[in-house]
N, C-alpha and C. Protein backbone atom coordinates (compact mmCIF):
# COMPACT_ATOMS: atom_id res chain seq x y z
N MET A 1 -17.40 11.61 -14.09
CA MET A 1 -17.14 11.32 -12.84
C MET A 1 -16.51 9.91 -12.47
N THR A 2 -15.51 9.68 -11.65
CA THR A 2 -14.78 8.53 -11.41
C THR A 2 -15.66 7.31 -10.86
N SER A 3 -16.02 6.38 -11.71
CA SER A 3 -16.48 4.87 -11.40
C SER A 3 -15.76 4.05 -10.02
N SER A 4 -16.44 3.63 -9.36
CA SER A 4 -15.68 2.89 -8.36
C SER A 4 -15.12 1.54 -9.11
N LEU A 5 -15.63 1.12 -10.24
CA LEU A 5 -14.66 0.39 -11.18
C LEU A 5 -13.35 0.57 -11.71
N GLU A 6 -13.14 2.08 -11.62
CA GLU A 6 -11.88 2.47 -12.30
C GLU A 6 -11.01 2.30 -11.32
N PRO A 7 -9.53 1.51 -11.66
CA PRO A 7 -8.57 1.56 -10.66
C PRO A 7 -7.91 3.06 -10.58
N THR A 8 -7.44 3.14 -9.27
CA THR A 8 -6.71 4.46 -8.83
C THR A 8 -5.26 4.19 -8.55
N PHE A 9 -4.55 4.92 -9.34
CA PHE A 9 -3.18 4.45 -9.76
C PHE A 9 -2.53 5.56 -8.46
N TYR A 10 -2.71 6.39 -7.91
CA TYR A 10 -2.52 7.44 -7.04
C TYR A 10 -3.20 7.88 -6.25
N THR A 11 -3.31 8.35 -4.96
CA THR A 11 -4.23 8.96 -4.15
C THR A 11 -3.72 9.56 -2.92
N GLU A 12 -3.94 10.59 -2.51
CA GLU A 12 -3.14 11.56 -1.40
C GLU A 12 -4.16 12.59 -1.04
N ARG A 13 -4.40 12.62 0.52
CA ARG A 13 -5.02 13.71 0.92
C ARG A 13 -4.07 14.43 2.07
N LEU A 14 -4.32 15.70 1.72
CA LEU A 14 -3.47 16.65 2.39
C LEU A 14 -4.04 17.29 3.42
N ARG A 15 -4.18 16.47 4.49
CA ARG A 15 -4.80 16.43 5.85
C ARG A 15 -4.31 17.83 6.43
N VAL A 16 -4.52 18.69 7.38
CA VAL A 16 -3.98 19.64 8.16
C VAL A 16 -3.59 19.10 9.29
N PRO A 17 -2.01 19.45 9.40
CA PRO A 17 -1.42 19.02 10.61
C PRO A 17 -1.97 19.12 12.09
N PHE A 18 -1.28 18.37 13.22
CA PHE A 18 -2.08 18.72 14.20
C PHE A 18 -1.45 19.79 14.81
N SER A 19 -0.28 20.32 14.44
CA SER A 19 0.07 21.81 14.94
C SER A 19 -0.67 22.70 14.60
N TYR A 20 -1.65 22.75 13.44
CA TYR A 20 -2.25 23.87 13.10
C TYR A 20 -3.71 23.81 13.75
N TRP A 21 -3.77 22.48 13.93
CA TRP A 21 -5.14 22.19 15.05
C TRP A 21 -5.14 23.06 16.27
N ALA A 22 -3.59 22.56 16.80
CA ALA A 22 -3.23 23.08 18.33
C ALA A 22 -3.38 24.59 18.47
N ILE A 23 -2.59 25.06 17.47
CA ILE A 23 -2.64 26.89 17.01
C ILE A 23 -3.84 27.46 17.14
N ALA A 24 -4.50 26.52 15.93
CA ALA A 24 -6.18 27.30 15.83
C ALA A 24 -6.57 27.42 16.84
N LEU A 25 -6.91 26.32 17.45
CA LEU A 25 -7.76 26.18 18.77
C LEU A 25 -7.66 26.85 19.94
N PHE A 26 -6.20 27.06 20.32
CA PHE A 26 -5.45 27.84 21.35
C PHE A 26 -5.89 29.12 21.19
N PHE A 27 -5.71 29.62 19.85
CA PHE A 27 -5.47 31.44 19.70
C PHE A 27 -7.10 31.47 19.54
N GLY A 28 -7.90 30.88 18.74
CA GLY A 28 -9.49 31.03 18.77
C GLY A 28 -10.19 30.96 20.06
N LEU A 29 -9.95 29.85 20.84
CA LEU A 29 -10.64 29.94 22.02
C LEU A 29 -10.03 30.70 23.17
N SER A 30 -9.02 31.29 23.01
CA SER A 30 -8.30 32.46 24.04
C SER A 30 -8.90 33.54 23.70
N PHE A 31 -9.27 33.65 22.30
CA PHE A 31 -9.97 35.26 22.26
C PHE A 31 -11.26 35.05 22.49
N VAL A 32 -12.06 34.01 22.11
CA VAL A 32 -13.24 33.78 22.67
C VAL A 32 -13.45 34.02 23.98
N THR A 33 -12.70 33.41 24.64
CA THR A 33 -12.64 33.09 26.25
C THR A 33 -12.27 34.86 26.72
N ALA A 34 -11.64 35.26 26.33
CA ALA A 34 -11.22 36.82 26.85
C ALA A 34 -12.51 37.63 26.55
N VAL A 35 -13.01 37.56 25.13
CA VAL A 35 -14.09 38.42 24.87
C VAL A 35 -15.55 38.27 25.88
N SER A 36 -15.87 36.95 25.61
CA SER A 36 -17.25 36.62 26.09
C SER A 36 -17.18 36.07 27.50
N PHE A 37 -16.13 35.91 28.33
CA PHE A 37 -16.20 35.53 29.89
C PHE A 37 -17.14 36.51 30.56
N MET A 38 -16.77 37.90 30.35
CA MET A 38 -17.45 38.82 31.25
C MET A 38 -18.87 38.78 30.77
N LEU A 39 -19.19 38.46 29.77
CA LEU A 39 -20.84 38.46 29.29
C LEU A 39 -21.61 37.46 29.88
N GLY A 40 -21.07 36.50 30.76
CA GLY A 40 -22.15 35.87 31.60
C GLY A 40 -22.03 34.17 30.73
N ASP A 41 -22.26 33.16 31.72
CA ASP A 41 -22.11 31.77 31.37
C ASP A 41 -22.84 31.39 29.90
N ALA A 42 -23.79 31.97 29.52
CA ALA A 42 -24.62 31.49 28.53
C ALA A 42 -23.66 31.94 27.26
N VAL A 43 -23.47 33.02 27.28
CA VAL A 43 -22.77 33.75 26.30
C VAL A 43 -21.30 33.24 26.07
N PHE A 44 -20.87 32.85 27.34
CA PHE A 44 -19.26 32.23 27.20
C PHE A 44 -19.49 30.73 26.49
N VAL A 45 -20.36 30.22 27.06
CA VAL A 45 -20.33 28.55 26.34
C VAL A 45 -21.05 28.58 24.96
N ALA A 46 -21.89 29.35 24.83
CA ALA A 46 -22.46 29.37 23.24
C ALA A 46 -21.17 30.02 22.45
N SER A 47 -20.53 31.05 22.88
CA SER A 47 -19.34 31.39 21.68
C SER A 47 -18.32 30.55 21.81
N THR A 48 -18.02 29.85 22.91
CA THR A 48 -16.78 28.78 22.89
C THR A 48 -17.43 27.44 21.89
N GLY A 49 -18.49 27.12 22.10
CA GLY A 49 -18.93 25.91 21.39
C GLY A 49 -19.14 26.58 19.78
N THR A 50 -19.61 27.82 19.29
CA THR A 50 -19.36 28.26 18.03
C THR A 50 -18.07 28.20 17.83
N ALA A 51 -17.21 28.80 18.26
CA ALA A 51 -15.87 29.04 17.68
C ALA A 51 -15.16 27.78 17.36
N THR A 52 -15.40 26.79 18.48
CA THR A 52 -14.94 25.40 18.19
C THR A 52 -15.36 24.80 16.94
N VAL A 53 -16.48 24.91 16.73
CA VAL A 53 -17.27 24.20 15.53
C VAL A 53 -16.76 24.91 14.04
N LEU A 54 -16.67 26.31 14.26
CA LEU A 54 -16.08 27.16 13.17
C LEU A 54 -14.72 26.69 12.75
N ILE A 55 -13.97 26.62 13.85
CA ILE A 55 -12.54 26.30 13.69
C ILE A 55 -12.20 24.81 13.09
N ALA A 56 -12.87 23.97 13.81
CA ALA A 56 -13.08 22.43 13.18
C ALA A 56 -13.42 22.22 11.99
N TRP A 57 -14.64 22.91 11.33
CA TRP A 57 -14.94 23.16 10.23
C TRP A 57 -14.14 23.71 9.10
N THR A 58 -13.66 24.75 9.41
CA THR A 58 -12.53 25.26 8.40
C THR A 58 -11.44 24.40 8.45
N LEU A 59 -10.71 23.89 9.29
CA LEU A 59 -9.62 23.40 9.29
C LEU A 59 -9.81 21.66 8.54
N LEU A 60 -11.36 21.39 8.78
CA LEU A 60 -11.50 19.85 8.08
C LEU A 60 -11.64 20.07 6.72
N ALA A 61 -12.38 21.16 6.33
CA ALA A 61 -12.59 21.79 4.78
C ALA A 61 -11.21 21.81 4.31
N TRP A 62 -10.24 22.55 4.78
CA TRP A 62 -9.05 23.03 4.06
C TRP A 62 -8.03 21.68 4.12
N GLY A 63 -8.12 20.61 4.77
CA GLY A 63 -7.67 19.54 4.74
C GLY A 63 -8.10 18.38 4.04
N SER A 64 -9.15 18.78 3.34
CA SER A 64 -9.90 17.71 2.67
C SER A 64 -9.41 17.47 0.93
N LEU A 65 -8.45 18.39 0.70
CA LEU A 65 -7.91 18.25 -0.65
C LEU A 65 -7.45 16.83 -1.03
N THR A 66 -7.95 16.03 -2.02
CA THR A 66 -7.58 15.07 -2.21
C THR A 66 -7.10 14.83 -3.61
N ILE A 67 -5.72 14.49 -4.11
CA ILE A 67 -5.26 14.28 -5.50
C ILE A 67 -5.52 12.81 -5.78
N THR A 68 -5.74 12.69 -7.02
CA THR A 68 -6.27 11.22 -7.38
C THR A 68 -5.49 10.99 -8.84
N VAL A 69 -4.85 10.08 -9.24
CA VAL A 69 -4.80 9.80 -10.77
C VAL A 69 -5.21 8.49 -11.15
N ASP A 70 -6.61 8.49 -11.78
CA ASP A 70 -6.91 7.04 -11.98
C ASP A 70 -7.30 7.08 -13.62
N ALA A 71 -8.05 5.88 -13.95
CA ALA A 71 -8.24 5.87 -15.29
C ALA A 71 -8.75 6.95 -16.21
N GLY A 72 -9.33 7.64 -15.72
CA GLY A 72 -10.26 9.08 -16.27
C GLY A 72 -9.32 10.35 -16.34
N GLY A 73 -8.23 10.34 -15.52
CA GLY A 73 -6.94 11.43 -15.46
C GLY A 73 -6.70 11.88 -14.07
N VAL A 74 -6.64 13.15 -13.92
CA VAL A 74 -5.90 13.47 -12.77
C VAL A 74 -7.23 14.67 -12.15
N ARG A 75 -7.47 14.20 -10.72
CA ARG A 75 -8.49 14.90 -10.07
C ARG A 75 -7.45 15.70 -8.63
N VAL A 76 -8.00 16.89 -8.53
CA VAL A 76 -7.34 17.62 -7.60
C VAL A 76 -8.66 18.44 -7.14
N GLY A 77 -8.93 17.60 -5.67
CA GLY A 77 -10.19 18.23 -5.04
C GLY A 77 -11.28 18.18 -5.92
N ALA A 78 -12.09 18.99 -6.02
CA ALA A 78 -13.25 19.07 -7.20
C ALA A 78 -13.04 19.09 -8.71
N SER A 79 -11.66 19.46 -8.89
CA SER A 79 -11.42 19.65 -10.51
C SER A 79 -10.76 18.58 -10.94
N ARG A 80 -10.97 18.43 -12.27
CA ARG A 80 -10.88 17.29 -12.97
C ARG A 80 -10.20 17.56 -14.23
N LEU A 81 -8.94 17.01 -14.47
CA LEU A 81 -8.42 17.35 -16.03
C LEU A 81 -8.39 15.76 -16.53
N ASP A 82 -9.13 15.46 -17.79
CA ASP A 82 -9.08 14.12 -18.54
C ASP A 82 -7.88 13.71 -19.14
N TRP A 83 -7.58 12.88 -19.21
CA TRP A 83 -5.77 12.56 -19.72
C TRP A 83 -5.84 13.14 -21.19
N ALA A 84 -6.61 13.48 -22.08
CA ALA A 84 -6.53 14.30 -23.49
C ALA A 84 -5.91 15.45 -22.84
N TYR A 85 -6.26 16.00 -22.06
CA TYR A 85 -5.59 17.53 -21.66
C TYR A 85 -4.48 17.77 -20.50
N VAL A 86 -4.26 16.50 -20.17
CA VAL A 86 -2.77 16.70 -19.18
C VAL A 86 -1.73 16.35 -19.92
N GLY A 87 -0.95 17.78 -19.59
CA GLY A 87 0.45 18.05 -20.30
C GLY A 87 1.35 17.39 -19.41
N GLN A 88 2.36 17.91 -19.80
CA GLN A 88 3.66 17.61 -19.07
C GLN A 88 3.40 17.87 -17.58
N ALA A 89 4.11 16.95 -16.65
CA ALA A 89 4.14 17.26 -15.12
C ALA A 89 5.54 17.15 -14.59
N ALA A 90 5.71 18.04 -13.80
CA ALA A 90 6.81 18.16 -12.99
C ALA A 90 6.96 18.70 -11.85
N ALA A 91 7.93 17.96 -11.27
CA ALA A 91 8.33 18.45 -9.78
C ALA A 91 8.95 19.68 -9.82
N VAL A 92 8.65 20.96 -9.07
CA VAL A 92 9.46 22.17 -9.01
C VAL A 92 9.70 22.49 -7.83
N ASP A 93 11.01 23.33 -7.76
CA ASP A 93 11.63 23.63 -6.25
C ASP A 93 11.27 25.15 -6.21
N GLN A 94 11.29 25.90 -5.01
CA GLN A 94 10.88 27.03 -4.69
C GLN A 94 11.05 28.19 -5.55
N GLN A 95 12.00 28.15 -6.46
CA GLN A 95 12.54 29.20 -7.47
C GLN A 95 11.12 29.10 -8.67
N GLN A 96 11.28 27.97 -9.32
CA GLN A 96 10.30 27.55 -10.13
C GLN A 96 8.66 27.78 -9.47
N ARG A 97 8.47 27.66 -8.61
CA ARG A 97 7.29 27.68 -7.82
C ARG A 97 6.74 29.27 -7.65
N ARG A 98 7.85 30.02 -7.44
CA ARG A 98 7.45 31.43 -7.46
C ARG A 98 7.16 31.87 -8.97
N ARG A 99 8.00 31.62 -9.78
CA ARG A 99 7.67 31.93 -11.00
C ARG A 99 6.34 31.78 -11.74
N VAL A 100 6.01 30.20 -11.53
CA VAL A 100 4.54 30.09 -11.82
C VAL A 100 3.46 30.91 -11.25
N LEU A 101 3.81 31.03 -9.66
CA LEU A 101 2.86 31.74 -9.20
C LEU A 101 2.59 33.06 -9.41
N ALA A 102 3.64 33.69 -10.14
CA ALA A 102 3.68 34.98 -10.63
C ALA A 102 2.64 35.06 -11.66
N ARG A 103 1.92 33.95 -12.13
CA ARG A 103 1.01 34.27 -13.43
C ARG A 103 -0.23 34.47 -12.96
N GLU A 104 -1.07 34.96 -13.70
CA GLU A 104 -2.50 34.86 -13.10
C GLU A 104 -3.50 33.64 -13.63
N ASP A 105 -2.83 33.22 -14.83
CA ASP A 105 -3.47 31.75 -15.54
C ASP A 105 -3.39 30.66 -14.71
N VAL A 106 -3.16 30.74 -13.65
CA VAL A 106 -2.64 29.10 -13.11
C VAL A 106 -3.49 28.68 -11.98
N HIS A 107 -4.11 27.47 -12.02
CA HIS A 107 -5.23 26.94 -11.11
C HIS A 107 -4.04 26.53 -9.74
N LEU A 108 -5.02 26.85 -8.80
CA LEU A 108 -3.85 26.88 -7.57
C LEU A 108 -4.39 25.81 -6.66
N ALA A 109 -3.73 24.93 -6.41
CA ALA A 109 -4.30 23.86 -5.15
C ALA A 109 -2.95 23.52 -4.16
N LEU A 110 -2.81 24.74 -3.39
CA LEU A 110 -1.54 24.69 -2.79
C LEU A 110 -2.33 24.81 -1.33
N ARG A 111 -1.23 24.10 -0.26
CA ARG A 111 -1.48 24.23 1.00
C ARG A 111 -0.14 24.56 1.60
N PRO A 112 0.09 25.48 2.49
CA PRO A 112 1.52 25.93 3.03
C PRO A 112 1.88 25.13 3.89
N TYR A 113 1.38 23.71 4.46
CA TYR A 113 1.84 23.16 5.43
C TYR A 113 2.47 21.72 4.64
N VAL A 114 2.39 21.68 3.17
CA VAL A 114 3.09 20.78 2.66
C VAL A 114 4.23 21.49 1.49
N SER A 115 5.42 20.96 1.58
CA SER A 115 6.44 21.62 0.98
C SER A 115 6.55 21.50 -0.67
N GLY A 116 6.02 20.15 -1.05
CA GLY A 116 6.30 19.67 -2.16
C GLY A 116 5.39 20.07 -3.22
N VAL A 117 5.60 20.58 -4.44
CA VAL A 117 4.87 21.08 -5.54
C VAL A 117 5.17 20.63 -6.62
N VAL A 118 3.96 20.31 -7.49
CA VAL A 118 3.87 19.44 -8.97
C VAL A 118 3.22 20.84 -10.18
N VAL A 119 3.75 20.86 -11.10
CA VAL A 119 3.18 21.60 -11.99
C VAL A 119 2.78 20.64 -13.25
N ILE A 120 1.36 20.51 -13.44
CA ILE A 120 0.71 19.88 -14.44
C ILE A 120 0.28 20.72 -15.44
N GLY A 121 0.90 20.55 -16.67
CA GLY A 121 0.43 21.54 -17.93
C GLY A 121 -1.00 21.10 -18.29
N VAL A 122 -1.70 21.98 -18.64
CA VAL A 122 -3.06 21.81 -19.38
C VAL A 122 -2.95 21.95 -20.91
N ALA A 123 -3.22 20.93 -21.75
CA ALA A 123 -3.03 20.74 -23.18
C ALA A 123 -4.59 21.43 -23.64
N ASP A 124 -5.33 21.77 -23.13
CA ASP A 124 -6.63 22.48 -23.89
C ASP A 124 -6.41 23.96 -24.10
N ARG A 125 -6.58 24.35 -25.20
CA ARG A 125 -6.47 25.85 -25.52
C ARG A 125 -7.79 26.62 -24.84
N ALA A 126 -8.99 26.01 -24.86
CA ALA A 126 -10.23 26.48 -24.39
C ALA A 126 -10.21 26.59 -22.88
N ASP A 127 -9.43 26.10 -22.09
CA ASP A 127 -9.08 25.98 -20.68
C ASP A 127 -8.30 27.66 -20.22
N PRO A 128 -8.99 27.98 -19.52
CA PRO A 128 -8.37 29.45 -19.22
C PRO A 128 -7.37 29.35 -18.14
N HIS A 129 -6.92 28.15 -17.75
CA HIS A 129 -5.64 28.15 -17.01
C HIS A 129 -4.61 27.36 -17.93
N LEU A 130 -3.39 27.91 -17.88
CA LEU A 130 -2.15 27.20 -18.21
C LEU A 130 -1.61 25.89 -17.73
N CYS A 131 -1.85 25.98 -16.34
CA CYS A 131 -1.34 24.69 -15.71
C CYS A 131 -1.83 24.76 -14.16
N TRP A 132 -1.73 23.46 -13.57
CA TRP A 132 -2.00 23.50 -12.29
C TRP A 132 -0.76 23.47 -11.40
N LEU A 133 -0.73 24.40 -10.28
CA LEU A 133 0.06 23.91 -9.22
C LEU A 133 -0.62 23.32 -8.07
N VAL A 134 0.12 22.32 -8.00
CA VAL A 134 -0.55 21.30 -6.75
C VAL A 134 0.26 20.92 -5.60
N SER A 135 0.17 21.20 -4.47
CA SER A 135 1.11 20.45 -3.26
C SER A 135 0.63 19.21 -3.30
N THR A 136 1.85 18.64 -2.84
CA THR A 136 1.91 17.16 -2.86
C THR A 136 3.02 16.87 -1.82
N ARG A 137 2.90 15.69 -0.85
CA ARG A 137 3.80 15.31 -0.17
C ARG A 137 5.04 14.61 -0.62
N ASP A 138 4.46 13.91 -1.81
CA ASP A 138 5.59 13.25 -2.65
C ASP A 138 5.45 13.54 -4.12
N PRO A 139 6.18 14.80 -4.54
CA PRO A 139 6.32 14.81 -5.65
C PRO A 139 6.58 14.15 -6.63
N ASP A 140 7.50 13.43 -6.48
CA ASP A 140 8.18 12.57 -7.39
C ASP A 140 7.43 11.55 -7.63
N GLU A 141 6.65 10.51 -6.83
CA GLU A 141 5.66 9.65 -6.90
C GLU A 141 4.47 10.25 -7.93
N LEU A 142 3.97 11.64 -7.40
CA LEU A 142 3.05 11.96 -8.12
C LEU A 142 3.17 11.95 -9.76
N VAL A 143 3.98 12.42 -9.92
CA VAL A 143 4.73 12.92 -11.28
C VAL A 143 4.90 11.55 -11.94
N ARG A 144 5.46 10.35 -11.41
CA ARG A 144 5.52 9.29 -11.93
C ARG A 144 4.19 8.75 -12.29
N ALA A 145 3.13 8.47 -11.31
CA ALA A 145 1.99 7.95 -11.37
C ALA A 145 1.25 8.68 -12.62
N ILE A 146 1.48 9.71 -12.94
CA ILE A 146 0.98 10.67 -14.10
C ILE A 146 1.55 10.17 -15.46
N GLU A 147 2.94 10.07 -15.15
CA GLU A 147 3.39 9.40 -16.60
C GLU A 147 3.68 8.09 -16.91
N ARG A 148 3.41 7.23 -15.79
CA ARG A 148 3.17 5.97 -15.87
C ARG A 148 2.01 5.26 -16.28
N ASN A 149 0.82 6.36 -16.10
CA ASN A 149 -0.28 6.00 -16.21
C ASN A 149 -1.09 6.58 -17.25
N ARG A 150 -0.35 7.42 -18.09
CA ARG A 150 -0.89 8.05 -19.07
C ARG A 150 -1.48 7.16 -20.26
N PRO A 151 -2.69 7.04 -20.76
CA PRO A 151 -2.87 6.43 -21.86
C PRO A 151 -2.03 6.78 -23.30
N SER A 152 -1.97 5.51 -23.68
CA SER A 152 -1.11 5.77 -25.01
C SER A 152 -1.61 6.85 -25.93
N GLY A 153 -2.76 6.87 -26.29
CA GLY A 153 -3.37 8.09 -27.17
C GLY A 153 -3.28 9.23 -26.54
N ALA A 154 -3.11 9.46 -25.40
CA ALA A 154 -3.36 11.03 -24.51
C ALA A 154 -1.69 11.73 -24.78
N GLY A 155 -0.90 11.24 -25.22
CA GLY A 155 0.33 11.52 -24.91
C GLY A 155 0.70 12.46 -26.03
N GLU A 156 0.32 11.92 -27.35
CA GLU A 156 0.39 12.76 -28.55
C GLU A 156 -0.32 13.89 -28.43
N GLN A 157 -1.32 14.08 -28.20
CA GLN A 157 -2.19 15.30 -28.43
C GLN A 157 -1.94 16.14 -26.91
N ALA A 158 -1.41 15.76 -25.99
CA ALA A 158 -0.84 16.57 -24.95
C ALA A 158 0.33 16.97 -24.82
N GLU A 159 0.96 16.99 -25.79
CA GLU A 159 2.60 16.83 -26.14
C GLU A 159 3.15 18.32 -25.44
N GLN A 160 2.42 19.24 -26.05
CA GLN A 160 2.80 20.74 -26.04
C GLN A 160 1.87 21.66 -25.69
N THR A 161 2.07 21.88 -24.20
CA THR A 161 1.20 22.77 -23.59
C THR A 161 1.48 24.14 -23.77
N ALA A 162 0.91 25.50 -23.36
CA ALA A 162 1.28 26.72 -23.59
C ALA A 162 2.40 26.75 -22.40
N LEU A 163 2.17 26.09 -21.34
CA LEU A 163 3.50 26.31 -20.48
C LEU A 163 4.70 25.46 -21.09
N ASP A 164 4.64 24.51 -21.56
CA ASP A 164 5.90 23.85 -22.28
C ASP A 164 6.75 24.95 -23.44
N SER A 165 5.39 25.40 -24.13
CA SER A 165 6.40 26.61 -25.17
C SER A 165 6.63 27.92 -24.87
N GLY A 166 6.34 28.03 -23.50
CA GLY A 166 7.04 29.29 -22.69
C GLY A 166 6.12 30.58 -22.84
N ALA A 167 4.75 30.09 -23.34
CA ALA A 167 3.86 31.36 -23.47
C ALA A 167 3.24 31.88 -22.20
């Protein structure tokens, strides 16, 4: 677990954009209004309140993905990759993203409202994941943070991941 004393080299939270909120609330509440309006005021108010809470809870949870690079390694949401197991990191374009997505052994932390993507190799043969595919608003900065802050001893151990070798 990350200590509050450990320095943080990079952090980003992938919040849901306002347009997603507007669209979800408009369509969700329109549907609830159309269905429950004829059933009476109590049902209308209860279903509108319930729908609003469910939509807000879903979007808040979806927008809570945090990416952190600190002294312990790389954390994406609840998942953590210690420095000893962090392989090569690279920003990828859409074609490379599709190629990596075609694999079944990739840990996904993607958000459709963020276009930048970074692939982080996993240098642990016991890990079922070949790599992490992570959405980020600033892919180049995330890659720089990983490469710049990698401890000196972690680089030799994580030099060649299965992703790097083409496995």
